Amino acid sequence: MLKKLFALIKNKYLIVTAAFVVWISIFDQNNLIQQNRLRSELRGIEKERQFYKDEINRDTKTYQEIMTNLDRYEKMAREKYLVKRDNEDVYLIVYE
Protein backbone atom coordinates (compact mmCIF):
# COMPACT_ATOMS: atom_id res chain seq x y z
CA MET A 1 0.00 0.00 0.00
CA LEU A 2 2.77 2.41 0.92
CA LYS A 3 4.71 1.45 -2.21
CA LYS A 4 1.70 2.23 -4.42
CA LEU A 5 1.22 5.59 -2.72
CA PHE A 6 4.92 6.42 -3.11
CA ALA A 7 4.81 5.39 -6.78
CA LEU A 8 1.73 7.57 -7.31
CA ILE A 9 3.42 10.58 -5.71
CA LYS A 10 6.55 9.92 -7.76
CA ASN A 11 4.58 9.97 -11.04
CA LYS A 12 5.78 12.99 -13.03
CA TYR A 13 2.49 13.46 -14.87
CA LEU A 14 0.57 13.68 -11.62
CA ILE A 15 3.05 16.20 -10.22
CA VAL A 16 2.88 18.36 -13.36
CA THR A 17 -0.92 18.21 -13.40
CA ALA A 18 -1.16 19.12 -9.71
CA ALA A 19 1.30 22.00 -10.17
CA PHE A 20 -0.70 23.24 -13.17
CA VAL A 21 -3.97 23.16 -11.23
CA VAL A 22 -2.40 25.03 -8.31
CA TRP A 23 -0.87 27.60 -10.66
CA ILE A 24 -4.16 28.22 -12.47
CA SER A 25 -6.16 28.33 -9.22
CA ILE A 26 -3.94 30.69 -7.26
CA PHE A 27 -1.05 32.32 -9.08
CA ASP A 28 -2.33 33.05 -12.57
CA GLN A 29 -3.57 36.53 -13.52
CA ASN A 30 -7.04 35.11 -14.22
CA ASN A 31 -7.22 32.89 -11.13
CA LEU A 32 -10.41 31.58 -9.58
CA ILE A 33 -10.66 34.40 -7.05
CA GLN A 34 -10.38 37.01 -9.79
CA GLN A 35 -12.95 35.15 -11.91
CA ASN A 36 -15.46 35.12 -9.02
CA ARG A 37 -14.90 38.82 -8.38
CA LEU A 38 -15.44 39.66 -12.06
CA ARG A 39 -18.54 37.46 -12.22
CA SER A 40 -20.11 39.24 -9.24
CA GLU A 41 -19.22 42.63 -10.73
CA LEU A 42 -20.87 41.58 -13.99
CA ARG A 43 -24.05 40.58 -12.13
CA GLY A 44 -24.13 44.00 -10.46
CA ILE A 45 -23.66 45.79 -13.76
CA GLU A 46 -26.42 43.71 -15.37
CA LYS A 47 -28.80 44.63 -12.53
CA GLU A 48 -27.88 48.29 -12.95
CA ARG A 49 -28.43 48.03 -16.70
CA GLN A 50 -31.87 46.51 -16.16
CA PHE A 51 -32.72 49.28 -13.69
CA TYR A 52 -31.82 51.95 -16.24
CA LYS A 53 -33.77 50.17 -18.98
CA ASP A 54 -36.84 50.13 -16.72
CA GLU A 55 -36.38 53.83 -15.95
CA ILE A 56 -36.09 54.66 -19.65
CA ASN A 57 -39.29 52.69 -20.39
CA ARG A 58 -41.12 54.43 -17.54
CA ASP A 59 -39.97 57.87 -18.70
CA THR A 60 -40.86 57.09 -22.31
CA LYS A 61 -44.34 56.03 -21.27
CA THR A 62 -44.76 59.21 -19.20
CA TYR A 63 -43.52 61.32 -22.12
CA GLN A 64 -45.96 59.68 -24.52
CA GLU A 65 -48.80 60.17 -22.04
CA ILE A 66 -47.94 63.83 -21.55
CA MET A 67 -47.62 64.54 -25.26
CA THR A 68 -51.02 63.00 -26.05
CA ASN A 69 -53.01 64.33 -23.07
CA LEU A 70 -52.94 68.09 -22.42
CA ASP A 71 -54.63 67.74 -19.03
CA ARG A 72 -51.84 65.42 -17.90
CA TYR A 73 -49.31 67.91 -19.30
CA GLU A 74 -50.77 70.75 -17.27
CA LYS A 75 -51.04 68.61 -14.13
CA MET A 76 -47.38 67.60 -14.33
CA ALA A 77 -46.26 71.18 -14.95
CA ARG A 78 -48.24 72.38 -11.94
CA GLU A 79 -47.10 69.61 -9.58
CA LYS A 80 -43.50 69.16 -10.55
CA TYR A 81 -42.44 72.61 -11.75
CA LEU A 82 -44.91 74.76 -9.75
CA VAL A 83 -46.26 76.46 -12.86
CA LYS A 84 -49.26 78.72 -12.22
CA ARG A 85 -51.68 80.79 -14.18
CA ASP A 86 -51.59 84.59 -14.02
CA ASN A 87 -54.56 84.95 -11.69
CA GLU A 88 -53.56 82.16 -9.26
CA ASP A 89 -51.50 81.86 -6.11
CA VAL A 90 -49.56 78.69 -5.40
CA TYR A 91 -49.01 77.56 -1.81
CA LEU A 92 -46.37 74.96 -1.22
CA ILE A 93 -46.89 72.75 1.83
CA VAL A 94 -43.78 70.95 3.04
CA TYR A 95 -44.19 68.10 5.52
CA GLU A 96 -41.31 67.32 7.83
PDB file of N, CA and C in Angstrom:
ATOM      1  N   MET A   1       0.832  -1.193   0.000  1.00  0.00           N
ATOM      2  CA  MET A   1       0.000   0.000   0.000  1.00  0.00           C
ATOM      3  C   MET A   1       0.870   1.248   0.000  1.00  0.00           C
ATOM      4  N   LEU A   2       1.874   1.257   0.844  1.00  0.00           N
ATOM      5  CA  LEU A   2       2.766   2.407   0.925  1.00  0.00           C
ATOM      6  C   LEU A   2       3.587   2.553  -0.344  1.00  0.00           C
ATOM      7  N   LYS A   3       3.956   1.408  -0.952  1.00  0.00           N
ATOM      8  CA  LYS A   3       4.709   1.448  -2.208  1.00  0.00           C
ATOM      9  C   LYS A   3       3.864   2.058  -3.330  1.00  0.00           C
ATOM     10  N   LYS A   4       2.575   1.698  -3.385  1.00  0.00           N
ATOM     11  CA  LYS A   4       1.697   2.234  -4.420  1.00  0.00           C
ATOM     12  C   LYS A   4       1.509   3.751  -4.238  1.00  0.00           C
ATOM     13  N   LEU A   5       1.373   4.169  -2.998  1.00  0.00           N
ATOM     14  CA  LEU A   5       1.220   5.588  -2.717  1.00  0.00           C
ATOM     15  C   LEU A   5       2.486   6.350  -3.092  1.00  0.00           C
ATOM     16  N   PHE A   6       3.641   5.792  -2.768  1.00  0.00           N
ATOM     17  CA  PHE A   6       4.921   6.416  -3.110  1.00  0.00           C
ATOM     18  C   PHE A   6       5.106   6.475  -4.628  1.00  0.00           C
ATOM     19  N   ALA A   7       4.704   5.415  -5.321  1.00  0.00           N
ATOM     20  CA  ALA A   7       4.809   5.388  -6.783  1.00  0.00           C
ATOM     21  C   ALA A   7       3.864   6.417  -7.406  1.00  0.00           C
ATOM     22  N   LEU A   8       2.692   6.589  -6.817  1.00  0.00           N
ATOM     23  CA  LEU A   8       1.734   7.566  -7.310  1.00  0.00           C
ATOM     24  C   LEU A   8       2.256   8.992  -7.124  1.00  0.00           C
ATOM     25  N   ILE A   9       2.856   9.253  -5.986  1.00  0.00           N
ATOM     26  CA  ILE A   9       3.424  10.575  -5.712  1.00  0.00           C
ATOM     27  C   ILE A   9       4.623  10.842  -6.614  1.00  0.00           C
ATOM     28  N   LYS A  10       5.356   9.801  -6.937  1.00  0.00           N
ATOM     29  CA  LYS A  10       6.551   9.923  -7.760  1.00  0.00           C
ATOM     30  C   LYS A  10       6.225  10.101  -9.254  1.00  0.00           C
ATOM     31  N   ASN A  11       5.002   9.870  -9.647  1.00  0.00           N
ATOM     32  CA  ASN A  11       4.584   9.967 -11.039  1.00  0.00           C
ATOM     33  C   ASN A  11       4.716  11.418 -11.520  1.00  0.00           C
ATOM     34  N   LYS A  12       5.509  11.641 -12.565  1.00  0.00           N
ATOM     35  CA  LYS A  12       5.779  12.994 -13.027  1.00  0.00           C
ATOM     36  C   LYS A  12       4.551  13.657 -13.655  1.00  0.00           C
ATOM     37  N   TYR A  13       3.696  12.886 -14.265  1.00  0.00           N
ATOM     38  CA  TYR A  13       2.492  13.457 -14.875  1.00  0.00           C
ATOM     39  C   TYR A  13       1.529  13.981 -13.808  1.00  0.00           C
ATOM     40  N   LEU A  14       1.429  13.248 -12.717  1.00  0.00           N
ATOM     41  CA  LEU A  14       0.574  13.677 -11.616  1.00  0.00           C
ATOM     42  C   LEU A  14       1.128  14.948 -10.984  1.00  0.00           C
ATOM     43  N   ILE A  15       2.424  15.020 -10.817  1.00  0.00           N
ATOM     44  CA  ILE A  15       3.053  16.199 -10.225  1.00  0.00           C
ATOM     45  C   ILE A  15       2.849  17.417 -11.117  1.00  0.00           C
ATOM     46  N   VAL A  16       3.058  17.250 -12.419  1.00  0.00           N
ATOM     47  CA  VAL A  16       2.884  18.363 -13.357  1.00  0.00           C
ATOM     48  C   VAL A  16       1.420  18.808 -13.387  1.00  0.00           C
ATOM     49  N   THR A  17       0.512  17.870 -13.393  1.00  0.00           N
ATOM     50  CA  THR A  17      -0.917  18.210 -13.402  1.00  0.00           C
ATOM     51  C   THR A  17      -1.308  18.940 -12.124  1.00  0.00           C
ATOM     52  N   ALA A  18      -0.855  18.467 -10.989  1.00  0.00           N
ATOM     53  CA  ALA A  18      -1.158  19.120  -9.714  1.00  0.00           C
ATOM     54  C   ALA A  18      -0.560  20.526  -9.673  1.00  0.00           C
ATOM     55  N   ALA A  19       0.670  20.675 -10.145  1.00  0.00           N
ATOM     56  CA  ALA A  19       1.302  21.995 -10.172  1.00  0.00           C
ATOM     57  C   ALA A  19       0.528  22.936 -11.104  1.00  0.00           C
ATOM     58  N   PHE A  20       0.075  22.430 -12.236  1.00  0.00           N
ATOM     59  CA  PHE A  20      -0.696  23.238 -13.173  1.00  0.00           C
ATOM     60  C   PHE A  20      -2.012  23.705 -12.544  1.00  0.00           C
ATOM     61  N   VAL A  21      -2.695  22.809 -11.870  1.00  0.00           N
ATOM     62  CA  VAL A  21      -3.967  23.158 -11.226  1.00  0.00           C
ATOM     63  C   VAL A  21      -3.745  24.206 -10.146  1.00  0.00           C
ATOM     64  N   VAL A  22      -2.708  24.049  -9.350  1.00  0.00           N
ATOM     65  CA  VAL A  22      -2.403  25.030  -8.306  1.00  0.00           C
ATOM     66  C   VAL A  22      -2.051  26.377  -8.946  1.00  0.00           C
ATOM     67  N   TRP A  23      -1.265  26.368  -9.988  1.00  0.00           N
ATOM     68  CA  TRP A  23      -0.871  27.604 -10.660  1.00  0.00           C
ATOM     69  C   TRP A  23      -2.090  28.337 -11.221  1.00  0.00           C
ATOM     70  N   ILE A  24      -2.956  27.610 -11.891  1.00  0.00           N
ATOM     71  CA  ILE A  24      -4.156  28.215 -12.470  1.00  0.00           C
ATOM     72  C   ILE A  24      -5.093  28.723 -11.371  1.00  0.00           C
ATOM     73  N   SER A  25      -5.227  27.981 -10.290  1.00  0.00           N
ATOM     74  CA  SER A  25      -6.162  28.334  -9.221  1.00  0.00           C
ATOM     75  C   SER A  25      -5.709  29.530  -8.406  1.00  0.00           C
ATOM     76  N   ILE A  26      -4.411  29.683  -8.205  1.00  0.00           N
ATOM     77  CA  ILE A  26      -3.941  30.687  -7.258  1.00  0.00           C
ATOM     78  C   ILE A  26      -3.072  31.763  -7.894  1.00  0.00           C
ATOM     79  N   PHE A  27      -2.077  31.386  -8.673  1.00  0.00           N
ATOM     80  CA  PHE A  27      -1.046  32.322  -9.076  1.00  0.00           C
ATOM     81  C   PHE A  27      -1.276  33.010 -10.416  1.00  0.00           C
ATOM     82  N   ASP A  28      -2.127  32.494 -11.245  1.00  0.00           N
ATOM     83  CA  ASP A  28      -2.334  33.053 -12.571  1.00  0.00           C
ATOM     84  C   ASP A  28      -3.056  34.402 -12.478  1.00  0.00           C
ATOM     85  N   GLN A  29      -2.906  35.228 -13.495  1.00  0.00           N
ATOM     86  CA  GLN A  29      -3.568  36.528 -13.518  1.00  0.00           C
ATOM     87  C   GLN A  29      -5.091  36.371 -13.517  1.00  0.00           C
ATOM     88  N   ASN A  30      -5.596  35.375 -14.168  1.00  0.00           N
ATOM     89  CA  ASN A  30      -7.038  35.105 -14.219  1.00  0.00           C
ATOM     90  C   ASN A  30      -7.386  33.930 -13.314  1.00  0.00           C
ATOM     91  N   ASN A  31      -6.982  34.004 -12.053  1.00  0.00           N
ATOM     92  CA  ASN A  31      -7.219  32.894 -11.134  1.00  0.00           C
ATOM     93  C   ASN A  31      -8.689  32.806 -10.729  1.00  0.00           C
ATOM     94  N   LEU A  32      -9.010  31.809  -9.955  1.00  0.00           N
ATOM     95  CA  LEU A  32     -10.411  31.575  -9.583  1.00  0.00           C
ATOM     96  C   LEU A  32     -10.982  32.716  -8.752  1.00  0.00           C
ATOM     97  N   ILE A  33     -10.185  33.296  -7.881  1.00  0.00           N
ATOM     98  CA  ILE A  33     -10.657  34.402  -7.053  1.00  0.00           C
ATOM     99  C   ILE A  33     -11.004  35.598  -7.930  1.00  0.00           C
ATOM    100  N   GLN A  34     -10.133  35.905  -8.869  1.00  0.00           N
ATOM    101  CA  GLN A  34     -10.380  37.015  -9.794  1.00  0.00           C
ATOM    102  C   GLN A  34     -11.613  36.738 -10.654  1.00  0.00           C
ATOM    103  N   GLN A  35     -11.784  35.506 -11.096  1.00  0.00           N
ATOM    104  CA  GLN A  35     -12.949  35.154 -11.914  1.00  0.00           C
ATOM    105  C   GLN A  35     -14.241  35.340 -11.127  1.00  0.00           C
ATOM    106  N   ASN A  36     -14.265  34.935  -9.855  1.00  0.00           N
ATOM    107  CA  ASN A  36     -15.461  35.118  -9.025  1.00  0.00           C
ATOM    108  C   ASN A  36     -15.757  36.593  -8.807  1.00  0.00           C
ATOM    109  N   ARG A  37     -14.724  37.389  -8.580  1.00  0.00           N
ATOM    110  CA  ARG A  37     -14.897  38.823  -8.384  1.00  0.00           C
ATOM    111  C   ARG A  37     -15.471  39.463  -9.654  1.00  0.00           C
ATOM    112  N   LEU A  38     -14.941  39.107 -10.798  1.00  0.00           N
ATOM    113  CA  LEU A  38     -15.441  39.656 -12.061  1.00  0.00           C
ATOM    114  C   LEU A  38     -16.872  39.209 -12.344  1.00  0.00           C
ATOM    115  N   ARG A  39     -17.193  37.967 -12.007  1.00  0.00           N
ATOM    116  CA  ARG A  39     -18.543  37.456 -12.218  1.00  0.00           C
ATOM    117  C   ARG A  39     -19.550  38.224 -11.358  1.00  0.00           C
ATOM    118  N   SER A  40     -19.192  38.494 -10.094  1.00  0.00           N
ATOM    119  CA  SER A  40     -20.112  39.241  -9.237  1.00  0.00           C
ATOM    120  C   SER A  40     -20.241  40.688  -9.704  1.00  0.00           C
ATOM    121  N   GLU A  41     -19.153  41.284 -10.189  1.00  0.00           N
ATOM    122  CA  GLU A  41     -19.219  42.635 -10.730  1.00  0.00           C
ATOM    123  C   GLU A  41     -20.115  42.679 -11.966  1.00  0.00           C
ATOM    124  N   LEU A  42     -20.023  41.661 -12.808  1.00  0.00           N
ATOM    125  CA  LEU A  42     -20.867  41.575 -13.994  1.00  0.00           C
ATOM    126  C   LEU A  42     -22.341  41.480 -13.614  1.00  0.00           C
ATOM    127  N   ARG A  43     -22.652  40.675 -12.587  1.00  0.00           N
ATOM    128  CA  ARG A  43     -24.049  40.577 -12.130  1.00  0.00           C
ATOM    129  C   ARG A  43     -24.562  41.930 -11.662  1.00  0.00           C
ATOM    130  N   GLY A  44     -23.727  42.671 -10.922  1.00  0.00           N
ATOM    131  CA  GLY A  44     -24.129  43.999 -10.457  1.00  0.00           C
ATOM    132  C   GLY A  44     -24.369  44.953 -11.606  1.00  0.00           C
ATOM    133  N   ILE A  45     -23.506  44.911 -12.602  1.00  0.00           N
ATOM    134  CA  ILE A  45     -23.657  45.787 -13.764  1.00  0.00           C
ATOM    135  C   ILE A  45     -24.909  45.416 -14.552  1.00  0.00           C
ATOM    136  N   GLU A  46     -25.203  44.128 -14.661  1.00  0.00           N
ATOM    137  CA  GLU A  46     -26.420  43.711 -15.372  1.00  0.00           C
ATOM    138  C   GLU A  46     -27.674  44.172 -14.634  1.00  0.00           C
ATOM    139  N   LYS A  47     -27.660  44.130 -13.297  1.00  0.00           N
ATOM    140  CA  LYS A  47     -28.802  44.631 -12.526  1.00  0.00           C
ATOM    141  C   LYS A  47     -28.966  46.131 -12.729  1.00  0.00           C
ATOM    142  N   GLU A  48     -27.844  46.851 -12.727  1.00  0.00           N
ATOM    143  CA  GLU A  48     -27.883  48.287 -12.946  1.00  0.00           C
ATOM    144  C   GLU A  48     -28.402  48.609 -14.348  1.00  0.00           C
ATOM    145  N   ARG A  49     -27.974  47.834 -15.324  1.00  0.00           N
ATOM    146  CA  ARG A  49     -28.428  48.025 -16.702  1.00  0.00           C
ATOM    147  C   ARG A  49     -29.933  47.814 -16.803  1.00  0.00           C
ATOM    148  N   GLN A  50     -30.439  46.769 -16.139  1.00  0.00           N
ATOM    149  CA  GLN A  50     -31.872  46.506 -16.161  1.00  0.00           C
ATOM    150  C   GLN A  50     -32.639  47.631 -15.475  1.00  0.00           C
ATOM    151  N   PHE A  51     -32.083  48.162 -14.382  1.00  0.00           N
ATOM    152  CA  PHE A  51     -32.718  49.283 -13.689  1.00  0.00           C
ATOM    153  C   PHE A  51     -32.853  50.477 -14.624  1.00  0.00           C
ATOM    154  N   TYR A  52     -31.776  50.805 -15.337  1.00  0.00           N
ATOM    155  CA  TYR A  52     -31.822  51.953 -16.237  1.00  0.00           C
ATOM    156  C   TYR A  52     -32.748  51.701 -17.428  1.00  0.00           C
ATOM    157  N   LYS A  53     -32.820  50.477 -17.905  1.00  0.00           N
ATOM    158  CA  LYS A  53     -33.770  50.169 -18.980  1.00  0.00           C
ATOM    159  C   LYS A  53     -35.205  50.378 -18.498  1.00  0.00           C
ATOM    160  N   ASP A  54     -35.500  49.937 -17.281  1.00  0.00           N
ATOM    161  CA  ASP A  54     -36.841  50.129 -16.717  1.00  0.00           C
ATOM    162  C   ASP A  54     -37.152  51.615 -16.557  1.00  0.00           C
ATOM    163  N   GLU A  55     -36.172  52.393 -16.100  1.00  0.00           N
ATOM    164  CA  GLU A  55     -36.381  53.828 -15.946  1.00  0.00           C
ATOM    165  C   GLU A  55     -36.639  54.497 -17.298  1.00  0.00           C
ATOM    166  N   ILE A  56     -35.899  54.096 -18.308  1.00  0.00           N
ATOM    167  CA  ILE A  56     -36.094  54.656 -19.648  1.00  0.00           C
ATOM    168  C   ILE A  56     -37.498  54.320 -20.160  1.00  0.00           C
ATOM    169  N   ASN A  57     -37.935  53.076 -19.953  1.00  0.00           N
ATOM    170  CA  ASN A  57     -39.289  52.686 -20.390  1.00  0.00           C
ATOM    171  C   ASN A  57     -40.352  53.483 -19.652  1.00  0.00           C
ATOM    172  N   ARG A  58     -40.157  53.671 -18.337  1.00  0.00           N
ATOM    173  CA  ARG A  58     -41.123  54.429 -17.544  1.00  0.00           C
ATOM    174  C   ARG A  58     -41.174  55.877 -18.019  1.00  0.00           C
ATOM    175  N   ASP A  59     -40.015  56.483 -18.243  1.00  0.00           N
ATOM    176  CA  ASP A  59     -39.973  57.875 -18.696  1.00  0.00           C
ATOM    177  C   ASP A  59     -40.549  58.023 -20.100  1.00  0.00           C
ATOM    178  N   THR A  60     -40.297  57.049 -20.956  1.00  0.00           N
ATOM    179  CA  THR A  60     -40.857  57.092 -22.308  1.00  0.00           C
ATOM    180  C   THR A  60     -42.382  57.019 -22.264  1.00  0.00           C
ATOM    181  N   LYS A  61     -42.884  56.147 -21.403  1.00  0.00           N
ATOM    182  CA  LYS A  61     -44.336  56.030 -21.267  1.00  0.00           C
ATOM    183  C   LYS A  61     -44.929  57.339 -20.731  1.00  0.00           C
ATOM    184  N   THR A  62     -44.289  57.938 -19.748  1.00  0.00           N
ATOM    185  CA  THR A  62     -44.759  59.211 -19.202  1.00  0.00           C
ATOM    186  C   THR A  62     -44.717  60.298 -20.265  1.00  0.00           C
ATOM    187  N   TYR A  63     -43.652  60.331 -21.045  1.00  0.00           N
ATOM    188  CA  TYR A  63     -43.520  61.318 -22.119  1.00  0.00           C
ATOM    189  C   TYR A  63     -44.643  61.155 -23.142  1.00  0.00           C
ATOM    190  N   GLN A  64     -44.893  59.926 -23.548  1.00  0.00           N
ATOM    191  CA  GLN A  64     -45.964  59.681 -24.522  1.00  0.00           C
ATOM    192  C   GLN A  64     -47.317  60.090 -23.957  1.00  0.00           C
ATOM    193  N   GLU A  65     -47.537  59.810 -22.680  1.00  0.00           N
ATOM    194  CA  GLU A  65     -48.802  60.170 -22.041  1.00  0.00           C
ATOM    195  C   GLU A  65     -48.958  61.687 -21.972  1.00  0.00           C
ATOM    196  N   ILE A  66     -47.886  62.379 -21.648  1.00  0.00           N
ATOM    197  CA  ILE A  66     -47.938  63.832 -21.548  1.00  0.00           C
ATOM    198  C   ILE A  66     -48.171  64.463 -22.919  1.00  0.00           C
ATOM    199  N   MET A  67     -47.518  63.947 -23.932  1.00  0.00           N
ATOM    200  CA  MET A  67     -47.625  64.544 -25.262  1.00  0.00           C
ATOM    201  C   MET A  67     -48.996  64.298 -25.895  1.00  0.00           C
ATOM    202  N   THR A  68     -49.715  63.279 -25.463  1.00  0.00           N
ATOM    203  CA  THR A  68     -51.025  62.999 -26.050  1.00  0.00           C
ATOM    204  C   THR A  68     -52.175  63.565 -25.223  1.00  0.00           C
ATOM    205  N   ASN A  69     -51.943  63.879 -23.944  1.00  0.00           N
ATOM    206  CA  ASN A  69     -53.014  64.328 -23.066  1.00  0.00           C
ATOM    207  C   ASN A  69     -52.631  65.683 -22.471  1.00  0.00           C
ATOM    208  N   LEU A  70     -53.291  66.744 -22.890  1.00  0.00           N
ATOM    209  CA  LEU A  70     -52.944  68.088 -22.419  1.00  0.00           C
ATOM    210  C   LEU A  70     -53.270  68.287 -20.945  1.00  0.00           C
ATOM    211  N   ASP A  71     -54.316  67.621 -20.455  1.00  0.00           N
ATOM    212  CA  ASP A  71     -54.632  67.737 -19.026  1.00  0.00           C
ATOM    213  C   ASP A  71     -53.503  67.154 -18.175  1.00  0.00           C
ATOM    214  N   ARG A  72     -52.971  66.049 -18.613  1.00  0.00           N
ATOM    215  CA  ARG A  72     -51.842  65.425 -17.899  1.00  0.00           C
ATOM    216  C   ARG A  72     -50.606  66.331 -17.970  1.00  0.00           C
ATOM    217  N   TYR A  73     -50.431  66.988 -19.106  1.00  0.00           N
ATOM    218  CA  TYR A  73     -49.306  67.911 -19.302  1.00  0.00           C
ATOM    219  C   TYR A  73     -49.386  69.062 -18.299  1.00  0.00           C
ATOM    220  N   GLU A  74     -50.567  69.635 -18.195  1.00  0.00           N
ATOM    221  CA  GLU A  74     -50.765  70.753 -17.268  1.00  0.00           C
ATOM    222  C   GLU A  74     -50.605  70.299 -15.817  1.00  0.00           C
ATOM    223  N   LYS A  75     -51.143  69.130 -15.491  1.00  0.00           N
ATOM    224  CA  LYS A  75     -51.044  68.612 -14.130  1.00  0.00           C
ATOM    225  C   LYS A  75     -49.579  68.396 -13.731  1.00  0.00           C
ATOM    226  N   MET A  76     -48.786  67.824 -14.636  1.00  0.00           N
ATOM    227  CA  MET A  76     -47.384  67.598 -14.329  1.00  0.00           C
ATOM    228  C   MET A  76     -46.636  68.918 -14.173  1.00  0.00           C
ATOM    229  N   ALA A  77     -46.929  69.883 -15.034  1.00  0.00           N
ATOM    230  CA  ALA A  77     -46.262  71.181 -14.947  1.00  0.00           C
ATOM    231  C   ALA A  77     -46.599  71.865 -13.628  1.00  0.00           C
ATOM    232  N   ARG A  78     -47.830  71.753 -13.197  1.00  0.00           N
ATOM    233  CA  ARG A  78     -48.237  72.383 -11.936  1.00  0.00           C
ATOM    234  C   ARG A  78     -47.602  71.679 -10.733  1.00  0.00           C
ATOM    235  N   GLU A  79     -47.600  70.348 -10.735  1.00  0.00           N
ATOM    236  CA  GLU A  79     -47.104  69.611  -9.579  1.00  0.00           C
ATOM    237  C   GLU A  79     -45.584  69.605  -9.487  1.00  0.00           C
ATOM    238  N   LYS A  80     -44.952  69.358 -10.588  1.00  0.00           N
ATOM    239  CA  LYS A  80     -43.502  69.161 -10.554  1.00  0.00           C
ATOM    240  C   LYS A  80     -42.726  70.471 -10.653  1.00  0.00           C
ATOM    241  N   TYR A  81     -43.189  71.378 -11.496  1.00  0.00           N
ATOM    242  CA  TYR A  81     -42.441  72.605 -11.752  1.00  0.00           C
ATOM    243  C   TYR A  81     -43.103  73.855 -11.168  1.00  0.00           C
ATOM    244  N   LEU A  82     -44.198  73.675 -10.423  1.00  0.00           N
ATOM    245  CA  LEU A  82     -44.905  74.760  -9.746  1.00  0.00           C
ATOM    246  C   LEU A  82     -45.320  75.882 -10.707  1.00  0.00           C
ATOM    247  N   VAL A  83     -45.770  75.495 -11.874  1.00  0.00           N
ATOM    248  CA  VAL A  83     -46.261  76.456 -12.862  1.00  0.00           C
ATOM    249  C   VAL A  83     -47.656  76.903 -12.431  1.00  0.00           C
ATOM    250  N   LYS A  84     -47.940  78.199 -12.599  1.00  0.00           N
ATOM    251  CA  LYS A  84     -49.259  78.719 -12.217  1.00  0.00           C
ATOM    252  C   LYS A  84     -49.778  79.637 -13.302  1.00  0.00           C
ATOM    253  N   ARG A  85     -51.059  79.850 -13.261  1.00  0.00           N
ATOM    254  CA  ARG A  85     -51.681  80.793 -14.180  1.00  0.00           C
ATOM    255  C   ARG A  85     -51.503  82.206 -13.626  1.00  0.00           C
ATOM    256  N   ASP A  86     -51.805  83.202 -14.435  1.00  0.00           N
ATOM    257  CA  ASP A  86     -51.586  84.590 -14.018  1.00  0.00           C
ATOM    258  C   ASP A  86     -52.444  84.998 -12.828  1.00  0.00           C
ATOM    259  N   ASN A  87     -53.654  84.511 -12.754  1.00  0.00           N
ATOM    260  CA  ASN A  87     -54.562  84.950 -11.693  1.00  0.00           C
ATOM    261  C   ASN A  87     -54.590  83.971 -10.517  1.00  0.00           C
ATOM    262  N   GLU A  88     -53.583  83.143 -10.342  1.00  0.00           N
ATOM    263  CA  GLU A  88     -53.564  82.155  -9.264  1.00  0.00           C
ATOM    264  C   GLU A  88     -52.413  82.418  -8.303  1.00  0.00           C
ATOM    265  N   ASP A  89     -52.581  81.904  -7.086  1.00  0.00           N
ATOM    266  CA  ASP A  89     -51.496  81.861  -6.111  1.00  0.00           C
ATOM    267  C   ASP A  89     -51.214  80.399  -5.811  1.00  0.00           C
ATOM    268  N   VAL A  90     -49.952  80.059  -5.676  1.00  0.00           N
ATOM    269  CA  VAL A  90     -49.565  78.693  -5.398  1.00  0.00           C
ATOM    270  C   VAL A  90     -48.984  78.641  -3.993  1.00  0.00           C
ATOM    271  N   TYR A  91     -49.523  77.761  -3.166  1.00  0.00           N
ATOM    272  CA  TYR A  91     -49.007  77.562  -1.814  1.00  0.00           C
ATOM    273  C   TYR A  91     -48.352  76.192  -1.757  1.00  0.00           C
ATOM    274  N   LEU A  92     -47.122  76.182  -1.312  1.00  0.00           N
ATOM    275  CA  LEU A  92     -46.367  74.959  -1.225  1.00  0.00           C
ATOM    276  C   LEU A  92     -46.353  74.503   0.221  1.00  0.00           C
ATOM    277  N   ILE A  93     -46.856  73.314   0.489  1.00  0.00           N
ATOM    278  CA  ILE A  93     -46.894  72.755   1.835  1.00  0.00           C
ATOM    279  C   ILE A  93     -45.819  71.694   1.935  1.00  0.00           C
ATOM    280  N   VAL A  94     -44.897  71.885   2.863  1.00  0.00           N
ATOM    281  CA  VAL A  94     -43.783  70.955   3.043  1.00  0.00           C
ATOM    282  C   VAL A  94     -43.994  70.235   4.354  1.00  0.00           C
ATOM    283  N   TYR A  95     -44.048  68.917   4.310  1.00  0.00           N
ATOM    284  CA  TYR A  95     -44.190  68.098   5.517  1.00  0.00           C
ATOM    285  C   TYR A  95     -42.813  67.670   5.990  1.00  0.00           C
ATOM    286  N   GLU A  96     -42.607  67.734   7.284  1.00  0.00           N
ATOM    287  CA  GLU A  96     -41.308  67.320   7.834  1.00  0.00           C
ATOM    288  C   GLU A  96     -41.438  66.006   8.563  1.00  0.00           C
TER     289      GLU A  96
END
